[in-house]
N, C-alpha and C. Protein backbone atom coordinates (compact mmCIF):
# COMPACT_ATOMS: atom_id res chain seq x y z
N MET A 1 -17.97 20.35 -2.76
CA MET A 1 -17.14 19.17 -2.60
C MET A 1 -17.50 18.19 -3.52
N HIS A 2 -16.27 17.63 -4.17
CA HIS A 2 -16.51 16.45 -5.21
C HIS A 2 -15.91 15.11 -4.65
N ARG A 3 -14.67 15.33 -4.25
CA ARG A 3 -14.11 14.19 -3.79
C ARG A 3 -13.23 14.07 -2.72
N VAL A 4 -13.21 13.16 -1.62
CA VAL A 4 -12.45 13.26 -0.39
C VAL A 4 -11.83 11.76 -0.39
N GLY A 5 -10.57 11.66 -0.05
CA GLY A 5 -9.97 10.58 0.12
C GLY A 5 -8.58 10.61 1.00
N LEU A 6 -8.27 9.30 1.19
CA LEU A 6 -6.99 9.32 1.77
C LEU A 6 -6.16 8.14 1.07
N ARG A 7 -4.81 8.52 1.11
CA ARG A 7 -3.86 7.46 0.46
C ARG A 7 -2.89 7.19 1.31
N TYR A 8 -2.47 5.90 1.57
CA TYR A 8 -1.29 5.41 2.54
C TYR A 8 -0.41 4.53 1.50
N LEU A 9 0.86 4.92 1.71
CA LEU A 9 1.87 4.13 1.09
C LEU A 9 2.63 3.59 2.22
N ASP A 10 2.80 2.12 2.17
CA ASP A 10 3.71 1.26 3.10
C ASP A 10 4.87 0.50 2.52
N ALA A 11 5.98 0.98 3.10
CA ALA A 11 7.00 0.42 2.27
C ALA A 11 7.40 -0.91 3.11
N ILE A 12 7.53 -2.00 2.46
CA ILE A 12 7.62 -3.46 3.28
C ILE A 12 9.04 -3.85 2.67
N TRP A 13 10.07 -3.78 3.75
CA TRP A 13 11.51 -4.20 3.09
C TRP A 13 11.73 -5.27 4.17
N PRO A 14 11.82 -6.59 3.53
CA PRO A 14 11.98 -7.72 4.49
C PRO A 14 13.64 -7.99 4.92
N THR A 15 13.59 -8.33 5.97
CA THR A 15 15.09 -8.52 6.59
C THR A 15 15.64 -9.55 5.43
N ALA A 16 17.04 -9.66 5.57
CA ALA A 16 17.90 -10.59 4.85
C ALA A 16 17.39 -11.93 4.60
N GLU A 17 16.97 -12.46 6.00
CA GLU A 17 16.52 -13.79 6.00
C GLU A 17 15.36 -14.12 5.52
N ARG A 18 14.42 -12.98 5.16
CA ARG A 18 13.02 -12.94 4.96
C ARG A 18 12.44 -12.74 3.56
N GLY A 19 11.51 -13.17 2.83
CA GLY A 19 11.08 -12.52 1.80
C GLY A 19 9.65 -11.85 1.71
N VAL A 20 9.29 -11.25 0.68
CA VAL A 20 8.03 -10.43 0.44
C VAL A 20 6.98 -11.31 1.08
N SER A 21 7.26 -12.79 0.48
CA SER A 21 6.20 -13.50 0.87
C SER A 21 5.73 -13.88 2.25
N ASP A 22 6.81 -13.46 3.31
CA ASP A 22 6.54 -13.63 4.55
C ASP A 22 5.65 -12.37 5.29
N TYR A 23 5.57 -11.53 4.34
CA TYR A 23 4.95 -10.15 4.95
C TYR A 23 3.49 -10.06 4.21
N LEU A 24 3.46 -10.32 2.84
CA LEU A 24 2.22 -10.07 2.29
C LEU A 24 1.36 -11.37 2.17
N ASN A 25 -0.09 -11.32 2.58
CA ASN A 25 -0.98 -12.47 1.99
C ASN A 25 -0.62 -13.03 0.74
N PRO A 26 -0.74 -14.33 0.71
CA PRO A 26 -0.63 -15.05 -0.51
C PRO A 26 -1.11 -14.45 -1.76
N GLY A 27 -2.52 -13.95 -1.71
CA GLY A 27 -3.15 -13.26 -2.88
C GLY A 27 -2.55 -12.13 -3.36
N LEU A 28 -1.58 -11.54 -2.66
CA LEU A 28 -0.99 -10.26 -2.96
C LEU A 28 0.59 -10.60 -3.43
N VAL A 29 1.07 -11.75 -3.35
CA VAL A 29 2.39 -11.90 -3.54
C VAL A 29 2.74 -11.96 -5.12
N GLY A 30 1.92 -12.50 -5.83
CA GLY A 30 2.08 -12.65 -7.19
C GLY A 30 2.91 -13.83 -7.78
N ILE A 31 3.18 -14.04 -9.07
CA ILE A 31 3.76 -15.22 -9.57
C ILE A 31 5.34 -15.12 -9.19
N GLU A 32 5.85 -16.40 -8.97
CA GLU A 32 7.29 -16.60 -8.55
C GLU A 32 7.89 -17.40 -9.99
N LEU A 33 8.71 -16.95 -10.63
CA LEU A 33 9.24 -17.45 -11.81
C LEU A 33 10.54 -18.38 -11.55
N SER A 34 10.48 -19.23 -12.08
CA SER A 34 11.61 -20.35 -12.09
C SER A 34 13.01 -19.63 -12.24
N GLN A 35 13.11 -18.80 -13.31
CA GLN A 35 14.36 -18.27 -13.68
C GLN A 35 14.42 -16.81 -13.11
N PRO A 36 15.73 -16.63 -12.65
CA PRO A 36 15.84 -15.31 -12.18
C PRO A 36 15.99 -14.09 -13.12
N PHE A 37 15.64 -13.03 -12.86
CA PHE A 37 16.15 -11.69 -13.86
C PHE A 37 16.82 -10.66 -12.99
N GLU A 38 17.69 -10.19 -13.77
CA GLU A 38 18.44 -9.01 -13.09
C GLU A 38 17.81 -8.09 -12.39
N SER A 39 16.79 -7.37 -13.07
CA SER A 39 15.83 -6.32 -12.62
C SER A 39 14.46 -6.72 -12.82
N SER A 40 13.50 -6.93 -11.77
CA SER A 40 12.25 -7.19 -11.90
C SER A 40 11.27 -6.32 -11.33
N PHE A 41 10.05 -6.09 -11.80
CA PHE A 41 9.20 -5.19 -11.22
C PHE A 41 7.74 -5.76 -11.46
N SER A 42 6.97 -5.96 -10.48
CA SER A 42 5.48 -6.31 -10.80
C SER A 42 4.49 -5.18 -10.08
N GLN A 43 3.41 -5.08 -10.45
CA GLN A 43 2.47 -4.27 -10.07
C GLN A 43 0.97 -5.13 -10.25
N SER A 44 0.30 -4.93 -8.99
CA SER A 44 -0.77 -5.60 -8.94
C SER A 44 -1.89 -4.59 -8.37
N GLU A 45 -3.21 -4.68 -8.93
CA GLU A 45 -4.36 -3.76 -8.85
C GLU A 45 -5.48 -4.23 -8.14
N TYR A 46 -6.15 -3.95 -7.20
CA TYR A 46 -7.30 -4.44 -6.89
C TYR A 46 -8.39 -3.25 -6.44
N ARG A 47 -9.74 -3.36 -7.04
CA ARG A 47 -10.48 -2.12 -6.83
C ARG A 47 -11.98 -2.68 -6.23
N PHE A 48 -12.47 -2.00 -4.98
CA PHE A 48 -13.76 -2.46 -4.45
C PHE A 48 -14.48 -1.24 -4.38
N ASP A 49 -15.71 -1.74 -4.65
CA ASP A 49 -16.70 -0.58 -4.41
C ASP A 49 -17.47 -0.86 -3.13
N LEU A 50 -17.50 0.22 -2.17
CA LEU A 50 -17.85 -0.36 -0.77
C LEU A 50 -19.23 0.53 -0.73
N ASP A 51 -20.44 -0.07 -1.17
CA ASP A 51 -21.72 0.45 -1.03
C ASP A 51 -22.13 1.02 0.28
N GLY A 52 -21.91 0.45 1.20
CA GLY A 52 -22.20 0.97 2.62
C GLY A 52 -21.72 2.24 3.04
N ILE A 53 -20.70 2.68 2.23
CA ILE A 53 -20.29 4.12 2.57
C ILE A 53 -19.93 4.70 1.14
N ALA A 54 -20.68 4.31 0.05
CA ALA A 54 -20.56 4.93 -1.04
C ALA A 54 -19.11 5.42 -1.40
N SER A 55 -18.30 4.35 -1.38
CA SER A 55 -16.68 4.76 -1.82
C SER A 55 -16.21 3.65 -2.62
N THR A 56 -14.85 3.90 -2.96
CA THR A 56 -14.07 3.20 -3.65
C THR A 56 -12.74 3.01 -2.89
N LEU A 57 -12.24 1.65 -2.89
CA LEU A 57 -10.86 1.50 -2.34
C LEU A 57 -10.13 0.73 -3.22
N VAL A 58 -8.84 1.43 -3.44
CA VAL A 58 -8.02 0.88 -4.50
C VAL A 58 -6.72 0.24 -3.85
N LEU A 59 -6.45 -0.94 -3.94
CA LEU A 59 -5.22 -1.54 -3.23
C LEU A 59 -4.22 -2.05 -4.15
N ARG A 60 -2.92 -1.23 -4.41
CA ARG A 60 -2.03 -1.57 -5.34
C ARG A 60 -0.86 -2.27 -4.70
N VAL A 61 -0.18 -3.11 -5.12
CA VAL A 61 0.97 -3.71 -4.55
C VAL A 61 2.08 -3.47 -5.59
N PHE A 62 3.06 -2.82 -5.37
CA PHE A 62 4.32 -2.73 -6.22
C PHE A 62 5.49 -3.41 -5.52
N GLN A 63 6.23 -4.46 -6.35
CA GLN A 63 7.11 -5.27 -6.08
C GLN A 63 8.38 -5.08 -7.04
N ALA A 64 9.63 -4.65 -6.31
CA ALA A 64 10.87 -4.64 -7.17
C ALA A 64 11.99 -5.05 -6.52
N ASP A 65 13.13 -5.27 -7.30
CA ASP A 65 14.48 -5.62 -6.88
C ASP A 65 15.31 -4.56 -6.77
N SER A 66 14.68 -3.31 -7.16
CA SER A 66 15.82 -2.16 -7.60
C SER A 66 15.37 -1.31 -6.18
N ALA A 67 16.03 0.13 -6.30
CA ALA A 67 15.86 1.13 -5.14
C ALA A 67 14.35 1.15 -5.00
N LEU A 68 13.98 1.71 -3.68
CA LEU A 68 12.62 1.86 -3.57
C LEU A 68 12.20 3.10 -4.24
N ARG A 69 10.96 3.04 -4.87
CA ARG A 69 10.57 4.01 -5.62
C ARG A 69 8.87 4.33 -5.09
N LEU A 70 8.49 5.46 -5.43
CA LEU A 70 7.21 5.75 -5.25
C LEU A 70 6.15 5.21 -6.34
N PRO A 71 4.99 4.99 -6.43
CA PRO A 71 4.25 4.58 -7.38
C PRO A 71 4.32 5.51 -8.54
N PRO A 72 4.35 4.94 -9.86
CA PRO A 72 4.50 5.78 -11.00
C PRO A 72 3.51 6.98 -11.20
N ASP A 73 2.47 7.05 -10.59
CA ASP A 73 1.41 8.23 -10.74
C ASP A 73 1.85 9.29 -9.70
N LEU A 74 2.85 9.01 -8.79
CA LEU A 74 3.42 10.15 -7.95
C LEU A 74 4.60 10.65 -8.54
N GLY A 75 5.22 10.11 -9.62
CA GLY A 75 6.47 10.58 -9.92
C GLY A 75 6.49 12.17 -10.29
N PRO A 76 5.51 12.41 -11.09
CA PRO A 76 5.23 13.89 -11.33
C PRO A 76 5.30 14.92 -10.11
N LEU A 77 4.99 14.34 -9.14
CA LEU A 77 4.93 15.37 -7.91
C LEU A 77 6.29 15.82 -7.30
N ASP A 78 7.39 15.10 -7.90
CA ASP A 78 8.71 15.34 -7.28
C ASP A 78 8.80 15.11 -5.97
N LEU A 79 8.34 14.15 -5.33
CA LEU A 79 8.35 13.94 -3.85
C LEU A 79 9.67 13.15 -3.59
N GLU A 80 10.09 13.72 -2.38
CA GLU A 80 11.43 12.97 -1.99
C GLU A 80 11.43 12.13 -0.77
N LEU A 81 11.85 10.77 -1.19
CA LEU A 81 11.73 9.77 0.12
C LEU A 81 12.66 10.32 1.26
N ALA A 82 12.18 9.81 2.48
CA ALA A 82 12.96 10.09 3.70
C ALA A 82 14.09 9.15 3.67
N THR A 83 15.25 9.52 4.19
CA THR A 83 16.37 8.92 3.98
C THR A 83 16.20 7.61 4.83
N ARG A 84 15.23 7.30 5.57
CA ARG A 84 15.34 5.78 5.84
C ARG A 84 14.75 4.89 4.90
N PHE A 85 14.16 5.47 3.82
CA PHE A 85 13.53 4.83 2.54
C PHE A 85 14.73 4.59 1.52
N GLN A 86 15.69 5.11 1.64
CA GLN A 86 16.67 5.12 0.51
C GLN A 86 17.65 4.05 0.67
N TYR A 87 17.11 2.68 0.21
CA TYR A 87 18.04 1.66 -0.03
C TYR A 87 18.33 1.57 -1.21
N GLU A 88 19.48 0.94 -1.58
CA GLU A 88 20.15 0.83 -2.89
C GLU A 88 20.25 -0.64 -3.36
N HIS A 89 20.39 -1.62 -2.46
CA HIS A 89 20.73 -2.82 -2.60
C HIS A 89 19.52 -3.28 -3.38
N GLY A 90 19.67 -4.59 -4.05
CA GLY A 90 18.61 -5.31 -4.84
C GLY A 90 17.84 -6.06 -4.16
N GLN A 91 17.50 -6.10 -2.89
CA GLN A 91 16.60 -7.15 -2.37
C GLN A 91 15.14 -7.00 -2.55
N ARG A 92 14.45 -7.75 -2.79
CA ARG A 92 12.91 -7.70 -3.16
C ARG A 92 12.36 -7.02 -2.15
N HIS A 93 11.31 -6.21 -2.30
CA HIS A 93 10.76 -5.34 -1.38
C HIS A 93 9.33 -4.99 -2.23
N CYS A 94 8.44 -4.33 -1.33
CA CYS A 94 7.05 -3.96 -1.83
C CYS A 94 6.75 -2.65 -1.43
N VAL A 95 5.80 -2.00 -2.30
CA VAL A 95 4.99 -0.81 -1.46
C VAL A 95 3.58 -1.26 -1.68
N LEU A 96 2.95 -1.01 -0.62
CA LEU A 96 1.46 -1.21 -0.50
C LEU A 96 0.85 0.12 -0.40
N ASP A 97 0.09 0.16 -1.60
CA ASP A 97 -0.54 1.67 -1.79
C ASP A 97 -2.14 1.18 -1.66
N VAL A 98 -2.46 1.99 -0.63
CA VAL A 98 -4.13 1.82 -0.42
C VAL A 98 -4.62 3.32 -0.49
N ASP A 99 -5.86 3.40 -1.41
CA ASP A 99 -6.24 4.53 -1.77
C ASP A 99 -7.80 4.39 -1.66
N HIS A 100 -8.38 5.22 -0.83
CA HIS A 100 -9.89 5.14 -0.40
C HIS A 100 -10.45 6.30 -0.71
N PHE A 101 -11.43 6.46 -1.41
CA PHE A 101 -12.18 7.77 -1.69
C PHE A 101 -13.48 7.75 -1.91
N SER A 102 -14.39 8.75 -1.60
CA SER A 102 -15.69 8.91 -2.18
C SER A 102 -15.94 10.18 -2.71
N GLU A 103 -16.66 9.98 -3.84
CA GLU A 103 -17.06 11.26 -4.63
C GLU A 103 -18.62 11.55 -4.51
N SER A 104 -18.80 12.69 -4.37
CA SER A 104 -20.15 13.26 -4.45
C SER A 104 -20.15 14.74 -4.46
N ILE A 105 -21.14 15.32 -4.98
CA ILE A 105 -21.34 16.80 -5.25
C ILE A 105 -22.22 17.43 -3.88
N SER A 106 -21.62 18.21 -3.23
CA SER A 106 -22.10 18.88 -1.93
C SER A 106 -21.55 20.11 -1.67
N ASN A 107 -22.02 20.94 -0.87
CA ASN A 107 -21.42 22.18 -0.55
C ASN A 107 -20.25 21.84 0.54
N PHE A 108 -19.31 22.89 0.58
CA PHE A 108 -18.16 22.59 1.56
C PHE A 108 -18.76 22.37 2.92
N ASP A 109 -18.57 21.49 3.77
CA ASP A 109 -18.79 21.41 5.11
C ASP A 109 -17.69 20.41 5.95
N SER A 110 -16.99 21.28 6.82
CA SER A 110 -15.85 20.67 7.36
C SER A 110 -16.33 19.44 8.27
N ARG A 111 -17.28 19.56 8.98
CA ARG A 111 -17.73 18.36 9.80
C ARG A 111 -18.03 17.19 8.64
N LEU A 112 -18.71 17.33 7.58
CA LEU A 112 -18.90 16.17 6.66
C LEU A 112 -17.53 15.69 6.05
N ILE A 113 -16.72 16.57 5.90
CA ILE A 113 -15.38 16.11 5.51
C ILE A 113 -14.57 15.16 6.52
N ARG A 114 -14.64 15.71 7.83
CA ARG A 114 -14.07 15.12 8.83
C ARG A 114 -14.69 13.47 9.25
N ASP A 115 -15.93 13.61 9.05
CA ASP A 115 -16.65 12.16 9.18
C ASP A 115 -16.33 11.33 8.16
N SER A 116 -16.19 11.79 6.89
CA SER A 116 -15.90 11.05 5.83
C SER A 116 -14.43 10.58 5.63
N LEU A 117 -13.55 11.38 6.17
CA LEU A 117 -12.28 10.73 6.29
C LEU A 117 -11.95 9.70 7.58
N SER A 118 -12.71 9.80 8.43
CA SER A 118 -12.77 9.09 9.57
C SER A 118 -13.41 7.47 9.08
N ARG A 119 -14.48 7.70 8.37
CA ARG A 119 -14.97 6.28 7.85
C ARG A 119 -13.69 5.62 6.93
N LEU A 120 -13.13 6.58 5.98
CA LEU A 120 -12.38 6.11 4.84
C LEU A 120 -11.27 5.32 5.66
N HIS A 121 -10.75 6.02 6.59
CA HIS A 121 -9.38 5.45 7.44
C HIS A 121 -9.82 4.34 8.02
N GLY A 122 -10.88 4.07 8.56
CA GLY A 122 -11.32 2.80 9.11
C GLY A 122 -11.09 1.73 8.33
N LYS A 123 -11.60 1.71 6.99
CA LYS A 123 -11.81 0.75 6.17
C LYS A 123 -10.27 0.50 5.59
N ILE A 124 -9.49 1.49 5.32
CA ILE A 124 -8.09 1.44 5.19
C ILE A 124 -7.28 0.72 6.08
N ARG A 125 -7.44 0.90 7.20
CA ARG A 125 -6.82 0.11 8.19
C ARG A 125 -7.17 -1.39 8.08
N PHE A 126 -8.41 -1.86 7.88
CA PHE A 126 -8.80 -3.05 7.54
C PHE A 126 -8.07 -3.84 6.33
N ALA A 127 -8.12 -2.74 5.19
CA ALA A 127 -7.46 -3.40 4.15
C ALA A 127 -5.96 -3.61 4.37
N PHE A 128 -5.31 -2.65 4.97
CA PHE A 128 -4.03 -3.11 5.27
C PHE A 128 -3.97 -4.35 6.22
N LEU A 129 -4.49 -4.47 7.15
CA LEU A 129 -4.46 -5.77 8.07
C LEU A 129 -4.78 -6.80 7.21
N ASP A 130 -5.51 -6.93 6.43
CA ASP A 130 -6.00 -7.98 5.66
C ASP A 130 -4.88 -8.49 4.43
N SER A 131 -4.07 -7.48 4.24
CA SER A 131 -3.01 -7.47 3.27
C SER A 131 -1.63 -8.18 3.71
N VAL A 132 -1.41 -7.96 5.00
CA VAL A 132 -0.28 -8.50 5.43
C VAL A 132 -0.35 -9.67 6.34
N THR A 133 0.62 -10.42 6.61
CA THR A 133 0.59 -11.60 7.36
C THR A 133 0.48 -11.46 8.83
N GLU A 134 0.14 -12.47 9.65
CA GLU A 134 0.30 -12.39 11.11
C GLU A 134 1.78 -11.96 11.41
N PHE A 135 2.74 -12.74 10.81
CA PHE A 135 4.02 -12.77 10.96
C PHE A 135 4.59 -11.41 10.84
N ALA A 136 4.13 -10.49 9.81
CA ALA A 136 4.55 -9.14 9.49
C ALA A 136 3.91 -8.30 10.71
N GLN A 137 2.65 -8.72 11.01
CA GLN A 137 2.16 -7.55 12.13
C GLN A 137 2.98 -7.79 13.43
N GLN A 138 3.45 -9.24 13.92
CA GLN A 138 4.08 -9.25 14.90
C GLN A 138 5.54 -8.47 14.99
N GLN A 139 6.08 -8.65 13.98
CA GLN A 139 7.42 -8.15 13.55
C GLN A 139 7.44 -6.58 13.82
N TRP A 140 6.31 -5.88 13.41
CA TRP A 140 6.20 -4.36 13.47
C TRP A 140 5.83 -3.86 14.90
N LYS A 141 5.18 -4.69 15.45
CA LYS A 141 4.84 -4.68 17.09
C LYS A 141 5.89 -4.97 17.85
N GLY A 142 7.10 -5.52 17.25
CA GLY A 142 8.09 -6.02 18.30
C GLY A 142 8.12 -7.05 18.78
N GLY A 143 7.19 -7.94 18.21
CA GLY A 143 7.13 -9.34 18.76
C GLY A 143 8.13 -10.29 18.40
N ASP A 144 7.80 -11.55 18.53
CA ASP A 144 8.78 -12.62 18.61
C ASP A 144 9.04 -12.92 16.98
N LYS A 145 10.32 -13.09 16.59
CA LYS A 145 10.69 -13.36 15.17
C LYS A 145 10.57 -14.82 14.93
């Protein structure tokens, strides 16, 4: 075994009354320009080495005013978005892309892989929760608006 990892993509499509900044924590929102552009796209990437479990967590944020798309590196896979993600209007939205992996040389061991995936998933969950606002979490739980 060389590399074990998990990658989650979360589409964040604000309601008409809200913006991306209502859903993402301020450090991930990026720069707001004073002049509007017809079509804009931004990408941010943060990389964390987690020594405690010898792994790397990569957090990417893609923001756009166009139709929802997968991250550029997944384009060649020819994946198709589910119908519920096929929005065409130009409202600002984002994709939160969290990739967590560990690399090591070892013999194949299903128990080791399962344990590794469980540890990786736990850190991804914390990364996601730290990336979104309390407002967003309440909205997704069906809480008050």
